[in-house]
PDB file of N, CA and C in Angstrom:
ATOM      1  N   MET A   1      52.774  84.443  21.240  1.00  0.00           N
ATOM      2  CA  MET A   1      53.673  85.059  20.459  1.00  0.00           C
ATOM      3  C   MET A   1      55.072  85.164  21.062  1.00  0.00           C
ATOM      4  N   GLY A   2      56.332  84.735  20.628  1.00  0.00           N
ATOM      5  CA  GLY A   2      57.843  85.421  21.252  1.00  0.00           C
ATOM      6  C   GLY A   2      57.850  86.271  21.099  1.00  0.00           C
ATOM      7  N   LEU A   3      58.786  87.290  20.950  1.00  0.00           N
ATOM      8  CA  LEU A   3      59.337  87.963  21.125  1.00  0.00           C
ATOM      9  C   LEU A   3      60.266  88.276  19.800  1.00  0.00           C
ATOM     10  N   PHE A   4      60.683  87.228  19.277  1.00  0.00           N
ATOM     11  CA  PHE A   4      61.318  87.647  18.613  1.00  0.00           C
ATOM     12  C   PHE A   4      60.792  87.024  16.686  1.00  0.00           C
ATOM     13  N   GLN A   5      59.386  86.648  16.812  1.00  0.00           N
ATOM     14  CA  GLN A   5      58.391  86.338  16.068  1.00  0.00           C
ATOM     15  C   GLN A   5      58.517  87.908  15.170  1.00  0.00           C
ATOM     16  N   LYS A   6      58.406  87.213  13.704  1.00  0.00           N
ATOM     17  CA  LYS A   6      57.686  88.594  12.924  1.00  0.00           C
ATOM     18  C   LYS A   6      56.316  88.734  13.053  1.00  0.00           C
ATOM     19  N   LYS A   7      55.870  90.310  13.280  1.00  0.00           N
ATOM     20  CA  LYS A   7      54.471  90.512  13.169  1.00  0.00           C
ATOM     21  C   LYS A   7      54.106  90.733  11.804  1.00  0.00           C
ATOM     22  N   ASN A   8      52.912  90.163  11.285  1.00  0.00           N
ATOM     23  CA  ASN A   8      51.876  90.479  10.345  1.00  0.00           C
ATOM     24  C   ASN A   8      51.443  91.906  10.016  1.00  0.00           C
ATOM     25  N   LYS A   9      52.602  92.629   9.574  1.00  0.00           N
ATOM     26  CA  LYS A   9      51.802  94.299   9.614  1.00  0.00           C
ATOM     27  C   LYS A   9      51.512  94.539   8.036  1.00  0.00           C
ATOM     28  N   THR A  10      50.244  94.847   8.084  1.00  0.00           N
ATOM     29  CA  THR A  10      49.809  95.234   6.281  1.00  0.00           C
ATOM     30  C   THR A  10      49.077  96.516   6.227  1.00  0.00           C
ATOM     31  N   GLU A  11      50.510  97.684   6.409  1.00  0.00           N
ATOM     32  CA  GLU A  11      50.528  98.685   6.173  1.00  0.00           C
ATOM     33  C   GLU A  11      49.851  99.309   4.627  1.00  0.00           C
ATOM     34  N   GLU A  12      49.166 100.321   5.020  1.00  0.00           N
ATOM     35  CA  GLU A  12      48.560 100.809   3.974  1.00  0.00           C
ATOM     36  C   GLU A  12      49.843 102.113   3.590  1.00  0.00           C
ATOM     37  N   PRO A  13      49.970 102.207   2.014  1.00  0.00           N
ATOM     38  CA  PRO A  13      50.956 103.183   1.539  1.00  0.00           C
ATOM     39  C   PRO A  13      50.049 104.266   2.119  1.00  0.00           C
ATOM     40  N   VAL A  14      51.009 105.747   2.294  1.00  0.00           N
ATOM     41  CA  VAL A  14      50.384 106.801   2.832  1.00  0.00           C
ATOM     42  C   VAL A  14      50.493 107.931   1.503  1.00  0.00           C
ATOM     43  N   ILE A  15      49.267 107.865   1.227  1.00  0.00           N
ATOM     44  CA  ILE A  15      49.040 109.226  -0.045  1.00  0.00           C
ATOM     45  C   ILE A  15      49.147 110.696   0.357  1.00  0.00           C
ATOM     46  N   LEU A  16      49.639 111.597  -0.139  1.00  0.00           N
ATOM     47  CA  LEU A  16      50.128 112.474   0.332  1.00  0.00           C
ATOM     48  C   LEU A  16      49.254 113.519  -0.279  1.00  0.00           C
ATOM     49  N   GLN A  17      48.322 114.354   0.748  1.00  0.00           N
ATOM     50  CA  GLN A  17      47.376 115.611   0.163  1.00  0.00           C
ATOM     51  C   GLN A  17      48.396 116.642  -0.824  1.00  0.00           C
ATOM     52  N   LYS A  18      47.957 117.203  -1.912  1.00  0.00           N
ATOM     53  CA  LYS A  18      48.571 118.369  -2.313  1.00  0.00           C
ATOM     54  C   LYS A  18      49.164 119.296  -1.405  1.00  0.00           C
ATOM     55  N   GLY A  19      50.106 119.974  -0.980  1.00  0.00           N
ATOM     56  CA  GLY A  19      50.173 121.036  -0.105  1.00  0.00           C
ATOM     57  C   GLY A  19      50.742 119.937   1.361  1.00  0.00           C
ATOM     58  N   ALA A  20      51.171 118.951   1.367  1.00  0.00           N
ATOM     59  CA  ALA A  20      51.084 118.828   2.435  1.00  0.00           C
ATOM     60  C   ALA A  20      53.023 118.753   2.680  1.00  0.00           C
ATOM     61  N   LYS A  21      53.223 119.162   4.131  1.00  0.00           N
ATOM     62  CA  LYS A  21      54.482 119.952   4.578  1.00  0.00           C
ATOM     63  C   LYS A  21      55.045 119.115   6.142  1.00  0.00           C
ATOM     64  N   CYS A  22      56.405 119.383   6.438  1.00  0.00           N
ATOM     65  CA  CYS A  22      56.610 118.725   7.224  1.00  0.00           C
ATOM     66  C   CYS A  22      56.001 119.208   8.380  1.00  0.00           C
ATOM     67  N   CYS A  23      55.909 118.927   9.764  1.00  0.00           N
ATOM     68  CA  CYS A  23      55.405 119.818  10.771  1.00  0.00           C
ATOM     69  C   CYS A  23      56.778 120.153  11.623  1.00  0.00           C
ATOM     70  N   ARG A  24      57.663 119.893  11.131  1.00  0.00           N
ATOM     71  CA  ARG A  24      58.872 120.817  11.797  1.00  0.00           C
ATOM     72  C   ARG A  24      59.617 121.879  11.029  1.00  0.00           C
ATOM     73  N   CYS A  25      60.062 121.821   9.687  1.00  0.00           N
ATOM     74  CA  CYS A  25      60.761 122.657   8.935  1.00  0.00           C
ATOM     75  C   CYS A  25      59.780 123.554   8.220  1.00  0.00           C
ATOM     76  N   GLY A  26      58.709 122.774   7.440  1.00  0.00           N
ATOM     77  CA  GLY A  26      58.014 123.003   7.240  1.00  0.00           C
ATOM     78  C   GLY A  26      58.268 122.993   5.245  1.00  0.00           C
ATOM     79  N   ARG A  27      59.153 122.274   5.280  1.00  0.00           N
ATOM     80  CA  ARG A  27      59.253 122.010   3.498  1.00  0.00           C
ATOM     81  C   ARG A  27      58.188 121.211   2.718  1.00  0.00           C
ATOM     82  N   ILE A  28      57.529 121.539   1.756  1.00  0.00           N
ATOM     83  CA  ILE A  28      56.778 120.959   0.739  1.00  0.00           C
ATOM     84  C   ILE A  28      57.104 119.687   0.459  1.00  0.00           C
ATOM     85  N   LEU A  29      56.415 118.611   0.734  1.00  0.00           N
ATOM     86  CA  LEU A  29      56.744 116.861   0.694  1.00  0.00           C
ATOM     87  C   LEU A  29      55.864 116.708  -0.900  1.00  0.00           C
ATOM     88  N   LYS A  30      56.650 115.767  -1.308  1.00  0.00           N
ATOM     89  CA  LYS A  30      55.306 115.361  -2.621  1.00  0.00           C
ATOM     90  C   LYS A  30      55.812 114.195  -2.530  1.00  0.00           C
ATOM     91  N   GLN A  31      55.054 113.392  -3.224  1.00  0.00           N
ATOM     92  CA  GLN A  31      55.025 111.802  -2.680  1.00  0.00           C
ATOM     93  C   GLN A  31      55.993 111.099  -3.510  1.00  0.00           C
ATOM     94  N   HIS A  32      56.927 111.203  -4.241  1.00  0.00           N
ATOM     95  CA  HIS A  32      57.960 110.940  -4.392  1.00  0.00           C
ATOM     96  C   HIS A  32      59.372 111.087  -3.562  1.00  0.00           C
ATOM     97  N   ASP A  33      58.752 112.079  -2.609  1.00  0.00           N
ATOM     98  CA  ASP A  33      60.149 112.293  -1.830  1.00  0.00           C
ATOM     99  C   ASP A  33      60.088 111.429  -0.713  1.00  0.00           C
ATOM    100  N   SER A  34      60.851 111.252   0.183  1.00  0.00           N
ATOM    101  CA  SER A  34      61.200 110.400   1.453  1.00  0.00           C
ATOM    102  C   SER A  34      60.715 111.251   2.778  1.00  0.00           C
ATOM    103  N   PHE A  35      59.216 110.357   2.904  1.00  0.00           N
ATOM    104  CA  PHE A  35      59.026 110.986   3.936  1.00  0.00           C
ATOM    105  C   PHE A  35      58.393 110.013   5.372  1.00  0.00           C
ATOM    106  N   THR A  36      58.524 110.329   6.741  1.00  0.00           N
ATOM    107  CA  THR A  36      57.914 109.458   7.461  1.00  0.00           C
ATOM    108  C   THR A  36      56.873 110.292   8.070  1.00  0.00           C
ATOM    109  N   VAL A  37      56.114 109.126   8.660  1.00  0.00           N
ATOM    110  CA  VAL A  37      55.075 109.642   9.854  1.00  0.00           C
ATOM    111  C   VAL A  37      55.205 108.977  11.251  1.00  0.00           C
ATOM    112  N   LEU A  38      55.712 110.192  12.055  1.00  0.00           N
ATOM    113  CA  LEU A  38      55.848 109.727  13.067  1.00  0.00           C
ATOM    114  C   LEU A  38      54.830 110.383  13.938  1.00  0.00           C
ATOM    115  N   ASP A  39      54.296 110.236  15.250  1.00  0.00           N
ATOM    116  CA  ASP A  39      53.009 110.759  15.954  1.00  0.00           C
ATOM    117  C   ASP A  39      52.254 111.054  15.582  1.00  0.00           C
ATOM    118  N   ARG A  40      52.045 110.293  14.463  1.00  0.00           N
ATOM    119  CA  ARG A  40      50.735 111.128  13.536  1.00  0.00           C
ATOM    120  C   ARG A  40      50.930 112.374  12.420  1.00  0.00           C
ATOM    121  N   LYS A  41      52.519 112.593  12.920  1.00  0.00           N
ATOM    122  CA  LYS A  41      52.752 113.719  12.083  1.00  0.00           C
ATOM    123  C   LYS A  41      53.653 113.542  10.775  1.00  0.00           C
ATOM    124  N   LEU A  42      53.548 114.618   9.729  1.00  0.00           N
ATOM    125  CA  LEU A  42      54.634 113.833   8.869  1.00  0.00           C
ATOM    126  C   LEU A  42      55.975 115.093   8.764  1.00  0.00           C
ATOM    127  N   TYR A  43      56.977 114.081   8.789  1.00  0.00           N
ATOM    128  CA  TYR A  43      58.259 114.553   8.714  1.00  0.00           C
ATOM    129  C   TYR A  43      59.246 114.325   7.313  1.00  0.00           C
ATOM    130  N   CYS A  44      60.081 115.281   6.866  1.00  0.00           N
ATOM    131  CA  CYS A  44      61.030 114.884   6.108  1.00  0.00           C
ATOM    132  C   CYS A  44      62.202 113.738   6.466  1.00  0.00           C
ATOM    133  N   ARG A  45      62.802 114.088   5.382  1.00  0.00           N
ATOM    134  CA  ARG A  45      63.916 112.567   5.853  1.00  0.00           C
ATOM    135  C   ARG A  45      64.884 113.162   7.190  1.00  0.00           C
ATOM    136  N   LYS A  46      65.050 114.579   6.849  1.00  0.00           N
ATOM    137  CA  LYS A  46      66.443 114.774   7.902  1.00  0.00           C
ATOM    138  C   LYS A  46      65.644 115.266   9.271  1.00  0.00           C
ATOM    139  N   CYS A  47      64.323 115.996   9.125  1.00  0.00           N
ATOM    140  CA  CYS A  47      63.638 116.042  10.355  1.00  0.00           C
ATOM    141  C   CYS A  47      63.202 114.857  11.179  1.00  0.00           C
ATOM    142  N   ALA A  48      62.912 114.154  10.576  1.00  0.00           N
ATOM    143  CA  ALA A  48      62.597 112.554  11.251  1.00  0.00           C
ATOM    144  C   ALA A  48      64.161 111.825  11.555  1.00  0.00           C
ATOM    145  N   GLN A  49      65.380 112.266  10.901  1.00  0.00           N
ATOM    146  CA  GLN A  49      66.109 111.585  11.697  1.00  0.00           C
ATOM    147  C   GLN A  49      66.528 111.737  12.836  1.00  0.00           C
ATOM    148  N   ALA A  50      66.100 113.342  12.870  1.00  0.00           N
ATOM    149  CA  ALA A  50      66.555 114.027  13.883  1.00  0.00           C
ATOM    150  C   ALA A  50      66.086 113.878  15.449  1.00  0.00           C
ATOM    151  N   LYS A  51      64.147 113.702  14.763  1.00  0.00           N
ATOM    152  CA  LYS A  51      63.573 113.219  15.640  1.00  0.00           C
ATOM    153  C   LYS A  51      63.733 112.084  16.274  1.00  0.00           C
ATOM    154  N   ARG A  52      64.128 111.026  15.648  1.00  0.00           N
ATOM    155  CA  ARG A  52      64.652 109.699  16.177  1.00  0.00           C
ATOM    156  C   ARG A  52      65.605 110.164  17.247  1.00  0.00           C
ATOM    157  N   ASP A  53      66.834 110.617  16.562  1.00  0.00           N
ATOM    158  CA  ASP A  53      67.964 110.529  17.341  1.00  0.00           C
ATOM    159  C   ASP A  53      67.545 111.209  18.529  1.00  0.00           C
ATOM    160  N   TRP A  54      66.781 112.353  18.878  1.00  0.00           N
ATOM    161  CA  TRP A  54      65.914 112.695  19.993  1.00  0.00           C
ATOM    162  C   TRP A  54      65.267 111.839  21.040  1.00  0.00           C
ATOM    163  N   TYR A  55      64.552 110.676  20.430  1.00  0.00           N
ATOM    164  CA  TYR A  55      63.861 109.612  20.946  1.00  0.00           C
ATOM    165  C   TYR A  55      64.938 108.865  21.712  1.00  0.00           C
ATOM    166  N   PHE A  56      66.229 108.329  21.112  1.00  0.00           N
ATOM    167  CA  PHE A  56      67.113 107.789  21.510  1.00  0.00           C
ATOM    168  C   PHE A  56      67.881 107.947  22.671  1.00  0.00           C
ATOM    169  N   LEU A  57      68.047 109.499  22.579  1.00  0.00           N
ATOM    170  CA  LEU A  57      68.853 110.352  23.666  1.00  0.00           C
ATOM    171  C   LEU A  57      68.221 110.288  24.583  1.00  0.00           C
ATOM    172  N   GLU A  58      66.714 110.638  24.690  1.00  0.00           N
ATOM    173  CA  GLU A  58      65.965 110.217  25.528  1.00  0.00           C
ATOM    174  C   GLU A  58      65.260 108.859  26.491  1.00  0.00           C
ATOM    175  N   TRP A  59      65.599 108.334  25.727  1.00  0.00           N
ATOM    176  CA  TRP A  59      65.684 106.894  25.894  1.00  0.00           C
ATOM    177  C   TRP A  59      67.157 106.686  27.102  1.00  0.00           C
ATOM    178  N   HIS A  60      68.154 106.824  26.504  1.00  0.00           N
ATOM    179  CA  HIS A  60      69.622 106.840  27.008  1.00  0.00           C
ATOM    180  C   HIS A  60      69.158 107.391  28.330  1.00  0.00           C
ATOM    181  N   ALA A  61      68.696 108.803  28.744  1.00  0.00           N
ATOM    182  CA  ALA A  61      68.874 109.283  29.768  1.00  0.00           C
ATOM    183  C   ALA A  61      67.650 108.721  30.657  1.00  0.00           C
ATOM    184  N   LEU A  62      66.453 107.704  29.989  1.00  0.00           N
ATOM    185  CA  LEU A  62      66.008 107.344  31.279  1.00  0.00           C
ATOM    186  C   LEU A  62      66.707 105.696  31.839  1.00  0.00           C
ATOM    187  N   ILE A  63      67.299 105.325  30.758  1.00  0.00           N
ATOM    188  CA  ILE A  63      68.212 104.104  31.348  1.00  0.00           C
ATOM    189  C   ILE A  63      69.201 104.605  32.264  1.00  0.00           C
ATOM    190  N   ASP A  64      69.721 105.557  32.134  1.00  0.00           N
ATOM    191  CA  ASP A  64      70.974 105.993  32.889  1.00  0.00           C
ATOM    192  C   ASP A  64      70.215 106.485  34.707  1.00  0.00           C
ATOM    193  N   ASP A  65      68.668 107.141  34.770  1.00  0.00           N
ATOM    194  CA  ASP A  65      68.704 107.399  35.787  1.00  0.00           C
ATOM    195  C   ASP A  65      68.291 106.078  36.795  1.00  0.00           C
TER     196      ASP A  65
END
């Protein structure tokens, strides 16, 4: 498989349980809210963006070394 070929990912939709919360800020998530699963944890949209930004900064720190 080449580097730039598409992978067939069959991801199942995530169904939230009642009372699901963001693991960072504690906001209660509902099925119609936008949320992300990172490292098997639920994040609201705002916290997920902050987590991705942090991963990006860590990656750049590794490159700079």
